[in-house]
Structure formats: C-alpha cells, structure tokens
Amino acid sequence: MGYLALAGGVLLNACATRPPVTGPAPESAWLQHRASLEALSDWQARGRVAIRRDDDGWNAGFDWQQSGDSYRIRLRGPFGQGGIELHGDRAGVWLQRENEAPVYARSVDRLLQDETGWRLPVQGLRDWLLGLPVAEQSSVLDWDGQGRLHSLQQDGWSIDYRRYRGVGEQQLPEKLQLQRDQVQVRVVVDEWQLP
C-alpha cells in the first residue's frame, strides 16, 4: 500500500511539473478576433511595399486611407519620385499621376497592372492588410495562439503574417509576405491609425 502511495505521488509530481502544451488557439479565439477586425470600417496605414518578379523589383512607400468601401492609396517611389494615387470604391477606381490626366477602370488590380506593369493584389489587400480573409472567397487559413492569422491562402496568393503589433485594443499586422507564381510582395506597416 505504501509503495502504491509513493508511486502515485511520483506520478502526480511528474504531471504537475510537465510544461504546458501550447498549440493553436481554439476556433473561438479566431472568430472573436475576426469579428473585432471586421468591425473596423475606417482606418489608415502607412508603410512600405516591395514587389519582386524574377530579377525585377519595385519599392514604394504607401499611405492607405479606408473609409467604408471608399479608399485612397498613395504610392511613393524612392525619394518621393514616381508617385501615383488611387481613389476607389465598389463602383471603380481612378489612378492619378502628377501632371497627367486620371485614368479610370472598374478593377483596381487590372488598372494598376496596366498602368505600372506590376501585379499588386490591391483588392485583396484591403482585408489581408488587417489580417482577414476576403469574405465570400474560399480560403485556407491557420491562426496562432492568440487567434491571429498566421498564414492564409486565397485567390492564388499565399500570405504569411510575420509580425503583429498592438494598436489600441486591436492586434494588427506589422509585417506580411505574399507570393503568387513568380511574384513576391513584402509589406511592412510602420503606422496604424484607428478612429
């Protein structure tokens, strides 16, 4: 009997000192985090984007202002050169270069590719930048221990979330990397502003 009590005590101690197993947060943590992000309709982000395709690359600073379905995105080349501005909503988008007439299109992604030669998924980035999948599109996603997206596959793009930062009560992406075919896009958000 004493031997059983001693063996039971050893087993209890072994279980008590075992490090806790950490894994992905339960789905409820992701759903709660997702709901708080989906409630953000107005926000601003300032940062940098680098696009690489094979041996060709392009870098720009960006300022993104989102107000409901309307957005304004300013892209600035190195040292403020080669800037463009996009104004859009669900109806379409205008691309404006300094001292040139604006160009209109229904698709922001197509317009940017036609006018600059770069394939940047602006339509998806509106949600991906916040750490959300685009609604009503099929996706494969994985979240971390706090319910934040760790990786996302959607619309042919693979998005890896490398780092988050606290902004008020939100956890928002600070660094993410996107890849589709031979195109790689790195985004660093230097500043978030929420109402």
Protein backbone atom coordinates (compact mmCIF):
# COMPACT_ATOMS: atom_id res chain seq x y z
CA MET A 1 0.00 0.00 0.00
CA GLY A 2 2.86 2.38 0.87
CA TYR A 3 4.53 1.53 -2.43
CA LEU A 4 1.34 2.44 -4.36
CA ALA A 5 1.02 5.74 -2.49
CA LEU A 6 4.68 6.57 -3.23
CA ALA A 7 4.28 5.64 -6.90
CA GLY A 8 1.06 7.70 -7.11
CA GLY A 9 2.83 10.71 -5.56
CA VAL A 10 5.70 10.43 -8.04
CA LEU A 11 3.23 10.31 -10.93
CA LEU A 12 1.31 13.32 -9.63
CA ASN A 13 4.52 15.31 -9.24
CA ALA A 14 5.63 14.34 -12.75
CA CYS A 15 2.32 15.55 -14.19
CA ALA A 16 2.39 18.76 -12.16
CA THR A 17 5.87 19.77 -13.33
CA ARG A 18 5.29 18.98 -17.00
CA PRO A 19 5.37 22.14 -19.16
CA PRO A 20 2.01 23.16 -20.58
CA VAL A 21 1.40 22.21 -24.19
CA THR A 22 0.76 25.26 -26.35
CA GLY A 23 -0.89 24.94 -29.70
CA PRO A 24 -3.21 26.87 -31.93
CA ALA A 25 -5.89 28.84 -30.17
CA PRO A 26 -9.34 27.33 -30.32
CA GLU A 27 -11.53 28.41 -33.20
CA SER A 28 -13.49 30.65 -30.83
CA ALA A 29 -10.39 32.86 -30.31
CA TRP A 30 -10.02 33.25 -34.09
CA LEU A 31 -13.73 34.01 -34.53
CA GLN A 32 -13.64 36.64 -31.78
CA HIS A 33 -10.50 38.27 -33.23
CA ARG A 34 -12.01 38.16 -36.72
CA ALA A 35 -15.24 39.82 -35.57
CA SER A 36 -13.34 42.69 -33.95
CA LEU A 37 -11.38 43.28 -37.19
CA GLU A 38 -14.48 43.09 -39.38
CA ALA A 39 -15.97 45.91 -37.30
CA LEU A 40 -13.16 48.24 -38.48
CA SER A 41 -14.57 50.23 -41.39
CA ASP A 42 -12.36 53.33 -41.09
CA TRP A 43 -8.57 53.09 -40.71
CA GLN A 44 -5.27 54.38 -42.02
CA ALA A 45 -1.99 52.60 -42.57
CA ARG A 46 1.41 53.96 -43.58
CA GLY A 47 4.31 51.76 -44.58
CA ARG A 48 6.44 50.23 -47.31
CA VAL A 49 5.86 47.68 -50.03
CA ALA A 50 8.44 45.77 -52.09
CA ILE A 51 7.46 43.75 -55.16
CA ARG A 52 9.78 41.30 -56.86
CA ARG A 53 9.23 39.26 -60.00
CA ASP A 54 12.14 37.15 -61.18
CA ASP A 55 15.08 39.59 -61.39
CA ASP A 56 12.93 42.74 -61.46
CA GLY A 57 11.88 44.67 -58.36
CA TRP A 58 10.00 47.77 -57.25
CA ASN A 59 9.82 49.51 -53.87
CA ALA A 60 7.40 52.18 -52.68
CA GLY A 61 6.11 53.85 -49.60
CA PHE A 62 2.34 53.80 -49.17
CA ASP A 63 -0.37 55.70 -47.35
CA TRP A 64 -3.72 53.88 -47.27
CA GLN A 65 -6.91 55.55 -46.03
CA GLN A 66 -10.00 53.36 -45.83
CA SER A 67 -13.47 54.74 -45.10
CA GLY A 68 -16.15 52.09 -45.50
CA ASP A 69 -15.96 50.93 -49.13
CA SER A 70 -14.02 54.02 -50.24
CA TYR A 71 -10.23 54.16 -50.22
CA ARG A 72 -7.34 56.39 -51.18
CA ILE A 73 -3.91 54.86 -51.65
CA ARG A 74 -0.79 56.90 -52.33
CA LEU A 75 2.27 55.02 -53.59
CA ARG A 76 5.59 56.89 -53.50
CA GLY A 77 8.79 55.70 -55.18
CA PRO A 78 12.24 56.14 -53.65
CA PHE A 79 12.90 59.74 -52.52
CA GLY A 80 9.31 60.70 -53.32
CA GLN A 81 9.73 60.01 -57.06
CA GLY A 82 7.20 58.36 -59.34
CA GLY A 83 4.18 58.67 -57.08
CA ILE A 84 0.68 57.57 -58.01
CA GLU A 85 -2.62 57.88 -56.21
CA LEU A 86 -5.61 55.54 -56.37
CA HIS A 87 -9.13 56.66 -55.37
CA GLY A 88 -11.78 53.99 -55.45
CA ASP A 89 -14.87 52.26 -54.13
CA ARG A 90 -17.06 49.35 -55.24
CA ALA A 91 -18.00 51.18 -58.48
CA GLY A 92 -14.44 51.57 -59.76
CA VAL A 93 -11.12 53.32 -59.30
CA TRP A 94 -9.19 56.35 -60.58
CA LEU A 95 -5.41 56.31 -60.94
CA GLN A 96 -3.73 59.72 -60.85
CA ARG A 97 -0.12 60.58 -61.67
CA GLU A 98 1.30 64.02 -61.12
CA ASN A 99 0.66 66.33 -64.10
CA GLU A 100 -1.30 63.67 -66.00
CA ALA A 101 -4.98 63.06 -66.63
CA PRO A 102 -6.57 60.49 -64.32
CA VAL A 103 -7.32 57.02 -65.67
CA TYR A 104 -10.50 55.12 -64.69
CA ALA A 105 -11.22 51.39 -64.54
CA ARG A 106 -13.62 49.01 -62.82
CA SER A 107 -10.83 46.80 -61.41
CA VAL A 108 -8.07 48.32 -59.30
CA ASP A 109 -5.80 45.30 -59.75
CA ARG A 110 -6.14 45.38 -63.55
CA LEU A 111 -5.68 49.17 -63.68
CA LEU A 112 -2.51 49.07 -61.59
CA GLN A 113 -1.07 46.27 -63.72
CA ASP A 114 -1.96 48.02 -66.99
CA GLU A 115 -0.55 51.38 -65.88
CA THR A 116 2.55 50.27 -63.95
CA GLY A 117 3.24 46.72 -65.12
CA TRP A 118 3.05 45.46 -61.53
CA ARG A 119 0.67 42.86 -60.26
CA LEU A 120 -0.28 44.04 -56.77
CA PRO A 121 -3.46 42.49 -55.29
CA VAL A 122 -4.97 45.76 -54.01
CA GLN A 123 -8.49 44.30 -53.93
CA GLY A 124 -7.45 41.52 -51.55
CA LEU A 125 -5.00 43.68 -49.60
CA ARG A 126 -7.86 45.73 -48.14
CA ASP A 127 -8.71 42.71 -45.97
CA TRP A 128 -5.35 40.91 -45.91
CA LEU A 129 -3.65 44.01 -44.52
CA LEU A 130 -5.96 43.86 -41.49
CA GLY A 131 -5.30 40.13 -41.04
CA LEU A 132 -8.58 38.95 -42.57
CA PRO A 133 -9.52 36.69 -45.47
CA VAL A 134 -11.65 38.33 -48.15
CA ALA A 135 -15.28 37.49 -47.34
CA GLU A 136 -17.14 35.00 -49.52
CA GLN A 137 -13.97 33.68 -51.19
CA SER A 138 -12.65 30.22 -50.49
CA SER A 139 -9.55 30.24 -48.32
CA VAL A 140 -7.21 28.04 -46.33
CA LEU A 141 -6.09 29.65 -43.11
CA ASP A 142 -4.10 28.97 -39.98
CA TRP A 143 -4.08 31.11 -36.85
CA ASP A 144 -1.68 31.46 -33.95
CA GLY A 145 -2.16 31.04 -30.22
CA GLN A 146 -3.90 34.43 -29.92
CA GLY A 147 -6.39 33.82 -32.72
CA ARG A 148 -4.47 35.96 -35.25
CA LEU A 149 -3.84 34.76 -38.79
CA HIS A 150 -0.51 33.05 -39.17
CA SER A 151 -0.98 32.10 -42.83
CA LEU A 152 -3.66 32.44 -45.47
CA GLN A 153 -4.11 31.05 -48.97
CA GLN A 154 -6.68 32.84 -51.08
CA ASP A 155 -7.23 33.85 -54.71
CA GLY A 156 -4.00 32.10 -55.72
CA TRP A 157 -1.93 34.07 -53.17
CA SER A 158 -0.09 32.68 -50.16
CA ILE A 159 0.10 35.23 -47.34
CA ASP A 160 2.39 34.76 -44.34
CA TYR A 161 1.91 37.03 -41.34
CA ARG A 162 5.36 37.58 -39.85
CA ARG A 163 4.69 40.08 -37.06
CA TYR A 164 1.80 41.86 -35.31
CA ARG A 165 1.61 44.97 -33.15
CA GLY A 166 -0.89 46.24 -30.62
CA VAL A 167 -2.93 49.22 -31.84
CA GLY A 168 -5.36 50.29 -29.14
CA GLU A 169 -7.26 47.13 -28.30
CA GLN A 170 -6.50 45.51 -31.68
CA GLN A 171 -3.67 43.26 -32.82
CA LEU A 172 -2.86 44.32 -36.39
CA PRO A 173 -0.28 43.00 -38.86
CA GLU A 174 3.03 44.81 -38.97
CA LYS A 175 4.86 42.62 -41.47
CA LEU A 176 3.47 40.23 -44.08
CA GLN A 177 4.70 38.48 -47.19
CA LEU A 178 2.61 37.48 -50.19
CA GLN A 179 3.51 35.16 -53.03
CA ARG A 180 1.79 34.07 -56.23
CA ASP A 181 3.66 32.30 -59.00
CA GLN A 182 6.89 34.28 -59.50
CA VAL A 183 5.61 37.43 -57.78
CA GLN A 184 6.67 38.18 -54.18
CA VAL A 185 5.26 41.11 -52.23
CA ARG A 186 6.59 42.23 -48.85
CA VAL A 187 4.56 44.73 -46.82
CA VAL A 188 5.72 46.49 -43.67
CA VAL A 189 3.23 48.71 -41.84
CA ASP A 190 5.09 51.43 -39.94
CA GLU A 191 2.00 53.14 -38.54
CA TRP A 192 -1.66 52.24 -38.00
CA GLN A 193 -4.35 54.78 -37.14
CA LEU A 194 -7.77 53.74 -35.92
CA PRO A 195 -10.66 56.08 -35.04
